């Protein structure tokens, strides 16, 4: 079992999303915010993909929710 926990940060603007790894977010968060992006979610991508595959009937709608501000 790995001690590393994968985390991604999701930002939305104008119906689009940007997704940054933890390391990239450490450096890019402030710039995205100043460019008008809004942080909408912080998720574990492994858990999220598992949930989408196993639990969601409408995967496309679930993914589109990530850009809702």
Protein backbone atom coordinates (compact mmCIF):
# COMPACT_ATOMS: atom_id res chain seq x y z
CA UNK A 1 0.00 0.00 0.00
CA UNK A 2 1.46 3.33 -1.07
CA UNK A 3 1.83 6.20 1.39
CA UNK A 4 1.41 8.64 -1.52
CA UNK A 5 -2.13 10.01 -1.84
CA UNK A 6 -2.83 11.35 -5.35
CA UNK A 7 -4.62 14.67 -5.23
CA UNK A 8 -5.69 16.94 -8.07
CA UNK A 9 -7.08 20.45 -7.99
CA UNK A 10 -9.79 21.46 -10.46
CA UNK A 11 -10.37 25.05 -11.56
CA UNK A 12 -13.26 26.30 -13.72
CA UNK A 13 -13.76 29.33 -15.95
CA UNK A 14 -16.22 29.93 -18.78
CA UNK A 15 -17.42 26.31 -18.81
CA UNK A 16 -13.88 24.92 -19.14
CA UNK A 17 -11.71 23.22 -16.53
CA UNK A 18 -8.00 23.15 -15.72
CA UNK A 19 -6.68 20.24 -13.65
CA UNK A 20 -3.42 20.52 -11.73
CA UNK A 21 -1.47 18.00 -9.71
CA UNK A 22 -0.61 18.91 -6.14
CA UNK A 23 2.90 19.98 -7.15
CA UNK A 24 1.69 22.10 -10.06
CA UNK A 25 -1.00 23.71 -7.90
CA UNK A 26 1.62 24.83 -5.39
CA UNK A 27 3.07 27.06 -8.11
CA UNK A 28 0.10 27.69 -10.39
CA UNK A 29 -2.83 28.31 -8.03
CA UNK A 30 -2.26 32.04 -7.54
CA UNK A 31 -1.83 32.67 -11.27
CA UNK A 32 -5.02 30.81 -12.16
CA UNK A 33 -6.99 32.72 -9.52
CA UNK A 34 -5.62 36.04 -10.76
CA UNK A 35 -6.59 35.01 -14.32
CA UNK A 36 -10.21 34.53 -13.22
CA UNK A 37 -10.26 30.78 -12.66
CA UNK A 38 -12.18 29.48 -9.62
CA UNK A 39 -11.07 26.45 -7.60
CA UNK A 40 -14.08 24.13 -7.71
CA UNK A 41 -12.85 20.75 -6.44
CA UNK A 42 -9.96 18.95 -4.79
CA UNK A 43 -10.24 15.23 -5.41
CA UNK A 44 -8.41 11.93 -5.25
CA UNK A 45 -8.52 10.88 -8.93
CA UNK A 46 -8.30 7.17 -8.13
CA UNK A 47 -11.37 7.26 -5.91
CA UNK A 48 -13.21 9.56 -8.32
CA UNK A 49 -12.61 7.36 -11.39
CA UNK A 50 -13.64 4.27 -9.45
CA UNK A 51 -16.84 6.03 -8.38
CA UNK A 52 -17.61 7.17 -11.95
CA UNK A 53 -17.14 3.69 -13.36
CA UNK A 54 -18.91 1.70 -10.65
CA UNK A 55 -21.62 4.04 -9.38
CA UNK A 56 -22.60 6.58 -12.04
CA UNK A 57 -25.12 5.87 -14.74
CA UNK A 58 -24.58 9.28 -16.37
CA UNK A 59 -20.80 9.66 -16.35
CA UNK A 60 -20.80 12.59 -18.77
CA UNK A 61 -23.09 14.65 -16.52
CA UNK A 62 -20.94 13.87 -13.47
CA UNK A 63 -17.81 15.06 -15.26
CA UNK A 64 -19.55 18.21 -16.50
CA UNK A 65 -20.40 19.06 -12.88
CA UNK A 66 -16.70 19.76 -12.32
CA UNK A 67 -16.97 22.99 -14.31
CA UNK A 68 -19.97 24.32 -12.38
CA UNK A 69 -19.00 27.45 -10.54
